[in-house]
Amino acid sequence: MLALWPILLLTLSNVFMTFAWYGHLKFRDSPLLWVVLASWGIAFFEYCFQVPANRIGYGTYSGAQLKVIQEVISLTVFAVFSILYLKEDFRWNYAAGFVLLLAAVFVVFKKW
């Protein structure tokens, strides 16, 4: 069960970070300064989940494994975000990229 906490916390972290980085794209008329300040405010909560996730996860996972987990979660969260929030299409090449990421997970987690 302890091994799942970092994954859950990294998922929450990535939801906040995705909104911090890309949520403003729906508000293109807003002044840039306001968008930057709002993004920083959202990013604060991202760190509130990301730092504990890495603290808890390190030891169960290596640093490299935590990073690969984070990248897979990040792209998964972004795919959902881009479809539901930005109303963008999901393309075949995105799926191919995810398959390659899963190959990275296999390579990093494989005990050679």
N, C-alpha and C. Protein backbone atom coordinates (compact mmCIF):
# COMPACT_ATOMS: atom_id res chain seq x y z
N MET A 1 0.83 -1.20 0.00
CA MET A 1 0.00 0.00 0.00
C MET A 1 0.86 1.26 0.00
N LEU A 2 1.98 1.22 0.72
CA LEU A 2 2.88 2.36 0.77
C LEU A 2 3.38 2.74 -0.62
N ALA A 3 3.55 1.77 -1.50
CA ALA A 3 4.05 2.03 -2.85
C ALA A 3 3.03 2.79 -3.69
N LEU A 4 1.77 2.77 -3.31
CA LEU A 4 0.74 3.48 -4.08
C LEU A 4 0.62 4.95 -3.71
N TRP A 5 1.00 5.32 -2.48
CA TRP A 5 0.88 6.72 -2.06
C TRP A 5 1.66 7.68 -2.96
N PRO A 6 2.90 7.38 -3.32
CA PRO A 6 3.61 8.31 -4.20
C PRO A 6 2.91 8.47 -5.55
N ILE A 7 2.33 7.40 -6.06
CA ILE A 7 1.64 7.47 -7.35
C ILE A 7 0.39 8.34 -7.23
N LEU A 8 -0.36 8.16 -6.17
CA LEU A 8 -1.55 8.98 -5.94
C LEU A 8 -1.16 10.46 -5.78
N LEU A 9 -0.16 10.73 -4.95
CA LEU A 9 0.27 12.10 -4.73
C LEU A 9 0.84 12.73 -6.00
N LEU A 10 1.58 11.96 -6.78
CA LEU A 10 2.10 12.49 -8.05
C LEU A 10 0.97 12.77 -9.04
N THR A 11 -0.07 11.98 -8.99
CA THR A 11 -1.22 12.24 -9.86
C THR A 11 -1.90 13.55 -9.48
N LEU A 12 -2.14 13.74 -8.19
CA LEU A 12 -2.72 15.01 -7.73
C LEU A 12 -1.82 16.19 -8.08
N SER A 13 -0.54 16.01 -7.88
CA SER A 13 0.44 17.04 -8.22
C SER A 13 0.34 17.42 -9.69
N ASN A 14 0.25 16.42 -10.55
CA ASN A 14 0.21 16.69 -11.98
C ASN A 14 -1.09 17.34 -12.43
N VAL A 15 -2.18 17.06 -11.75
CA VAL A 15 -3.43 17.75 -12.08
C VAL A 15 -3.26 19.25 -11.83
N PHE A 16 -2.71 19.61 -10.67
CA PHE A 16 -2.48 21.02 -10.38
C PHE A 16 -1.48 21.64 -11.36
N MET A 17 -0.41 20.93 -11.65
CA MET A 17 0.61 21.49 -12.53
C MET A 17 0.10 21.67 -13.95
N THR A 18 -0.72 20.75 -14.41
CA THR A 18 -1.28 20.89 -15.76
C THR A 18 -2.15 22.14 -15.84
N PHE A 19 -2.96 22.38 -14.82
CA PHE A 19 -3.76 23.60 -14.82
C PHE A 19 -2.89 24.84 -14.68
N ALA A 20 -1.82 24.75 -13.90
CA ALA A 20 -0.92 25.90 -13.76
C ALA A 20 -0.24 26.23 -15.08
N TRP A 21 0.18 25.22 -15.80
CA TRP A 21 0.93 25.44 -17.05
C TRP A 21 0.03 25.72 -18.25
N TYR A 22 -1.14 25.07 -18.30
CA TYR A 22 -1.94 25.14 -19.53
C TYR A 22 -3.36 25.64 -19.34
N GLY A 23 -3.83 25.76 -18.11
CA GLY A 23 -5.21 26.19 -17.88
C GLY A 23 -5.50 27.58 -18.41
N HIS A 24 -4.50 28.43 -18.42
CA HIS A 24 -4.68 29.81 -18.88
C HIS A 24 -4.91 29.92 -20.39
N LEU A 25 -4.69 28.85 -21.12
CA LEU A 25 -4.85 28.90 -22.58
C LEU A 25 -6.29 29.20 -22.99
N LYS A 26 -7.24 28.95 -22.11
CA LYS A 26 -8.64 29.31 -22.38
C LYS A 26 -8.92 30.78 -22.07
N PHE A 27 -7.96 31.47 -21.50
CA PHE A 27 -8.14 32.86 -21.10
C PHE A 27 -7.09 33.74 -21.78
N ARG A 28 -7.04 33.66 -23.09
CA ARG A 28 -6.01 34.36 -23.86
C ARG A 28 -6.11 35.88 -23.76
N ASP A 29 -7.27 36.40 -23.38
CA ASP A 29 -7.44 37.85 -23.27
C ASP A 29 -7.01 38.38 -21.90
N SER A 30 -6.74 37.50 -20.96
CA SER A 30 -6.31 37.94 -19.63
C SER A 30 -4.89 38.49 -19.69
N PRO A 31 -4.61 39.51 -18.89
CA PRO A 31 -3.25 40.06 -18.88
C PRO A 31 -2.23 39.00 -18.45
N LEU A 32 -1.10 39.01 -19.09
CA LEU A 32 -0.06 38.00 -18.84
C LEU A 32 0.37 37.99 -17.38
N LEU A 33 0.51 39.16 -16.77
CA LEU A 33 0.93 39.21 -15.37
C LEU A 33 -0.06 38.46 -14.48
N TRP A 34 -1.37 38.64 -14.71
CA TRP A 34 -2.37 37.94 -13.90
C TRP A 34 -2.30 36.43 -14.12
N VAL A 35 -2.06 36.05 -15.36
CA VAL A 35 -1.97 34.62 -15.67
C VAL A 35 -0.76 34.00 -14.98
N VAL A 36 0.37 34.72 -15.00
CA VAL A 36 1.58 34.21 -14.35
C VAL A 36 1.35 34.08 -12.85
N LEU A 37 0.77 35.09 -12.25
CA LEU A 37 0.52 35.04 -10.80
C LEU A 37 -0.46 33.92 -10.43
N ALA A 38 -1.50 33.76 -11.23
CA ALA A 38 -2.46 32.68 -10.97
C ALA A 38 -1.77 31.32 -11.12
N SER A 39 -0.93 31.18 -12.13
CA SER A 39 -0.21 29.93 -12.35
C SER A 39 0.72 29.62 -11.18
N TRP A 40 1.40 30.63 -10.67
CA TRP A 40 2.26 30.42 -9.50
C TRP A 40 1.44 29.96 -8.30
N GLY A 41 0.28 30.57 -8.12
CA GLY A 41 -0.58 30.17 -7.01
C GLY A 41 -1.02 28.73 -7.12
N ILE A 42 -1.37 28.31 -8.32
CA ILE A 42 -1.78 26.92 -8.53
C ILE A 42 -0.59 25.99 -8.34
N ALA A 43 0.59 26.41 -8.82
CA ALA A 43 1.79 25.58 -8.72
C ALA A 43 2.19 25.33 -7.27
N PHE A 44 1.86 26.25 -6.37
CA PHE A 44 2.14 26.03 -4.95
C PHE A 44 1.52 24.71 -4.48
N PHE A 45 0.27 24.48 -4.88
CA PHE A 45 -0.41 23.26 -4.47
C PHE A 45 0.20 22.04 -5.14
N GLU A 46 0.71 22.22 -6.35
CA GLU A 46 1.42 21.12 -7.02
C GLU A 46 2.59 20.67 -6.17
N TYR A 47 3.36 21.61 -5.65
CA TYR A 47 4.51 21.26 -4.82
C TYR A 47 4.09 20.62 -3.50
N CYS A 48 2.92 21.00 -2.98
CA CYS A 48 2.43 20.41 -1.74
C CYS A 48 2.17 18.91 -1.88
N PHE A 49 1.96 18.45 -3.09
CA PHE A 49 1.78 17.02 -3.34
C PHE A 49 3.04 16.36 -3.88
N GLN A 50 3.77 17.08 -4.72
CA GLN A 50 4.95 16.51 -5.39
C GLN A 50 6.08 16.23 -4.41
N VAL A 51 6.38 17.14 -3.53
CA VAL A 51 7.49 16.95 -2.59
C VAL A 51 7.23 15.77 -1.66
N PRO A 52 6.05 15.68 -1.02
CA PRO A 52 5.80 14.48 -0.20
C PRO A 52 5.80 13.19 -1.02
N ALA A 53 5.31 13.25 -2.25
CA ALA A 53 5.30 12.04 -3.10
C ALA A 53 6.71 11.51 -3.28
N ASN A 54 7.64 12.40 -3.58
CA ASN A 54 9.02 11.96 -3.78
C ASN A 54 9.69 11.55 -2.47
N ARG A 55 9.37 12.24 -1.39
CA ARG A 55 9.91 11.87 -0.09
C ARG A 55 9.46 10.49 0.34
N ILE A 56 8.15 10.25 0.19
CA ILE A 56 7.58 8.95 0.58
C ILE A 56 8.05 7.85 -0.36
N GLY A 57 8.11 8.17 -1.65
CA GLY A 57 8.42 7.16 -2.65
C GLY A 57 9.87 6.76 -2.75
N TYR A 58 10.76 7.69 -2.38
CA TYR A 58 12.18 7.39 -2.52
C TYR A 58 12.59 6.33 -1.49
N GLY A 59 13.16 5.29 -1.97
CA GLY A 59 13.48 4.14 -1.13
C GLY A 59 12.70 2.94 -1.63
N THR A 60 11.39 3.14 -1.77
CA THR A 60 10.58 2.12 -2.44
C THR A 60 10.92 2.13 -3.93
N TYR A 61 11.07 3.34 -4.47
CA TYR A 61 11.45 3.55 -5.87
C TYR A 61 12.77 4.30 -5.91
N SER A 62 13.53 4.10 -6.95
CA SER A 62 14.75 4.90 -7.14
C SER A 62 14.35 6.27 -7.67
N GLY A 63 15.28 7.18 -7.69
CA GLY A 63 15.02 8.50 -8.26
C GLY A 63 14.59 8.41 -9.72
N ALA A 64 15.27 7.57 -10.48
CA ALA A 64 14.93 7.40 -11.90
C ALA A 64 13.53 6.82 -12.06
N GLN A 65 13.18 5.86 -11.21
CA GLN A 65 11.85 5.27 -11.29
C GLN A 65 10.77 6.30 -10.94
N LEU A 66 11.01 7.12 -9.92
CA LEU A 66 10.06 8.17 -9.57
C LEU A 66 9.87 9.14 -10.73
N LYS A 67 10.95 9.48 -11.40
CA LYS A 67 10.86 10.41 -12.52
C LYS A 67 10.07 9.81 -13.68
N VAL A 68 10.30 8.56 -13.98
CA VAL A 68 9.56 7.92 -15.07
C VAL A 68 8.08 7.80 -14.70
N ILE A 69 7.79 7.44 -13.46
CA ILE A 69 6.39 7.40 -13.01
C ILE A 69 5.76 8.77 -13.19
N GLN A 70 6.47 9.81 -12.77
CA GLN A 70 5.94 11.17 -12.89
C GLN A 70 5.68 11.54 -14.34
N GLU A 71 6.57 11.18 -15.24
CA GLU A 71 6.39 11.52 -16.66
C GLU A 71 5.18 10.81 -17.26
N VAL A 72 5.01 9.54 -16.93
CA VAL A 72 3.85 8.80 -17.43
C VAL A 72 2.55 9.42 -16.89
N ILE A 73 2.54 9.73 -15.61
CA ILE A 73 1.36 10.37 -15.02
C ILE A 73 1.13 11.73 -15.68
N SER A 74 2.18 12.50 -15.86
CA SER A 74 2.07 13.82 -16.44
C SER A 74 1.44 13.78 -17.83
N LEU A 75 1.92 12.89 -18.66
CA LEU A 75 1.37 12.80 -20.01
C LEU A 75 -0.05 12.24 -20.02
N THR A 76 -0.35 11.34 -19.11
CA THR A 76 -1.71 10.82 -19.01
C THR A 76 -2.67 11.91 -18.57
N VAL A 77 -2.29 12.65 -17.54
CA VAL A 77 -3.12 13.76 -17.06
C VAL A 77 -3.29 14.78 -18.17
N PHE A 78 -2.22 15.09 -18.88
CA PHE A 78 -2.32 16.09 -19.94
C PHE A 78 -3.21 15.62 -21.08
N ALA A 79 -3.15 14.34 -21.42
CA ALA A 79 -4.00 13.82 -22.49
C ALA A 79 -5.48 14.01 -22.13
N VAL A 80 -5.83 13.66 -20.90
CA VAL A 80 -7.21 13.83 -20.45
C VAL A 80 -7.57 15.32 -20.43
N PHE A 81 -6.68 16.14 -19.92
CA PHE A 81 -6.89 17.59 -19.84
C PHE A 81 -7.10 18.19 -21.23
N SER A 82 -6.25 17.81 -22.18
CA SER A 82 -6.35 18.41 -23.51
C SER A 82 -7.65 18.00 -24.21
N ILE A 83 -8.12 16.81 -23.94
CA ILE A 83 -9.38 16.36 -24.56
C ILE A 83 -10.58 17.01 -23.87
N LEU A 84 -10.62 16.96 -22.54
CA LEU A 84 -11.80 17.44 -21.80
C LEU A 84 -11.82 18.95 -21.62
N TYR A 85 -10.69 19.56 -21.33
CA TYR A 85 -10.65 20.99 -21.01
C TYR A 85 -10.37 21.84 -22.24
N LEU A 86 -9.35 21.47 -23.01
CA LEU A 86 -9.00 22.25 -24.19
C LEU A 86 -9.79 21.85 -25.43
N LYS A 87 -10.52 20.74 -25.33
CA LYS A 87 -11.35 20.23 -26.43
C LYS A 87 -10.52 19.92 -27.68
N GLU A 88 -9.32 19.35 -27.47
CA GLU A 88 -8.46 18.96 -28.58
C GLU A 88 -8.67 17.49 -28.91
N ASP A 89 -8.35 17.13 -30.13
CA ASP A 89 -8.46 15.73 -30.56
C ASP A 89 -7.27 14.93 -30.07
N PHE A 90 -7.52 13.66 -29.79
CA PHE A 90 -6.44 12.74 -29.46
C PHE A 90 -6.02 12.06 -30.75
N ARG A 91 -4.74 12.16 -31.12
CA ARG A 91 -4.26 11.64 -32.39
C ARG A 91 -3.50 10.34 -32.22
N TRP A 92 -3.34 9.64 -33.31
CA TRP A 92 -2.64 8.35 -33.29
C TRP A 92 -1.21 8.50 -32.82
N ASN A 93 -0.54 9.61 -33.20
CA ASN A 93 0.85 9.78 -32.80
C ASN A 93 0.99 10.02 -31.30
N TYR A 94 -0.04 10.54 -30.66
CA TYR A 94 -0.03 10.66 -29.20
C TYR A 94 -0.04 9.27 -28.58
N ALA A 95 -0.89 8.41 -29.12
CA ALA A 95 -0.94 7.02 -28.64
C ALA A 95 0.40 6.33 -28.83
N ALA A 96 1.03 6.57 -29.98
CA ALA A 96 2.34 5.96 -30.23
C ALA A 96 3.37 6.47 -29.22
N GLY A 97 3.31 7.73 -28.88
CA GLY A 97 4.20 8.28 -27.87
C GLY A 97 3.99 7.65 -26.51
N PHE A 98 2.73 7.38 -26.15
CA PHE A 98 2.45 6.71 -24.89
C PHE A 98 3.01 5.30 -24.87
N VAL A 99 2.91 4.62 -25.99
CA VAL A 99 3.48 3.27 -26.08
C VAL A 99 4.99 3.32 -25.85
N LEU A 100 5.64 4.31 -26.41
CA LEU A 100 7.09 4.46 -26.20
C LEU A 100 7.40 4.78 -24.74
N LEU A 101 6.55 5.56 -24.12
CA LEU A 101 6.73 5.84 -22.69
C LEU A 101 6.60 4.58 -21.86
N LEU A 102 5.65 3.74 -22.21
CA LEU A 102 5.50 2.48 -21.50
C LEU A 102 6.73 1.60 -21.70
N ALA A 103 7.35 1.70 -22.86
CA ALA A 103 8.61 0.99 -23.08
C ALA A 103 9.68 1.53 -22.14
N ALA A 104 9.69 2.84 -21.92
CA ALA A 104 10.64 3.45 -20.98
C ALA A 104 10.41 2.93 -19.57
N VAL A 105 9.15 2.80 -19.19
CA VAL A 105 8.82 2.26 -17.87
C VAL A 105 9.38 0.85 -17.74
N PHE A 106 9.17 0.04 -18.75
CA PHE A 106 9.67 -1.33 -18.73
C PHE A 106 11.19 -1.35 -18.55
N VAL A 107 11.90 -0.53 -19.31
CA VAL A 107 13.35 -0.50 -19.26
C VAL A 107 13.85 -0.04 -17.89
N VAL A 108 13.23 1.00 -17.34
CA VAL A 108 13.68 1.55 -16.06
C VAL A 108 13.37 0.61 -14.90
N PHE A 109 12.24 -0.09 -14.95
CA PHE A 109 11.85 -0.94 -13.84
C PHE A 109 12.38 -2.37 -13.96
N LYS A 110 12.89 -2.75 -15.10
CA LYS A 110 13.40 -4.10 -15.33
C LYS A 110 14.68 -4.33 -14.51
N LYS A 111 14.73 -5.43 -13.84
CA LYS A 111 15.93 -5.81 -13.09
C LYS A 111 16.84 -6.60 -14.05
N TRP A 112 17.81 -5.96 -14.62
CA TRP A 112 18.67 -6.60 -15.63
C TRP A 112 19.72 -7.42 -14.96
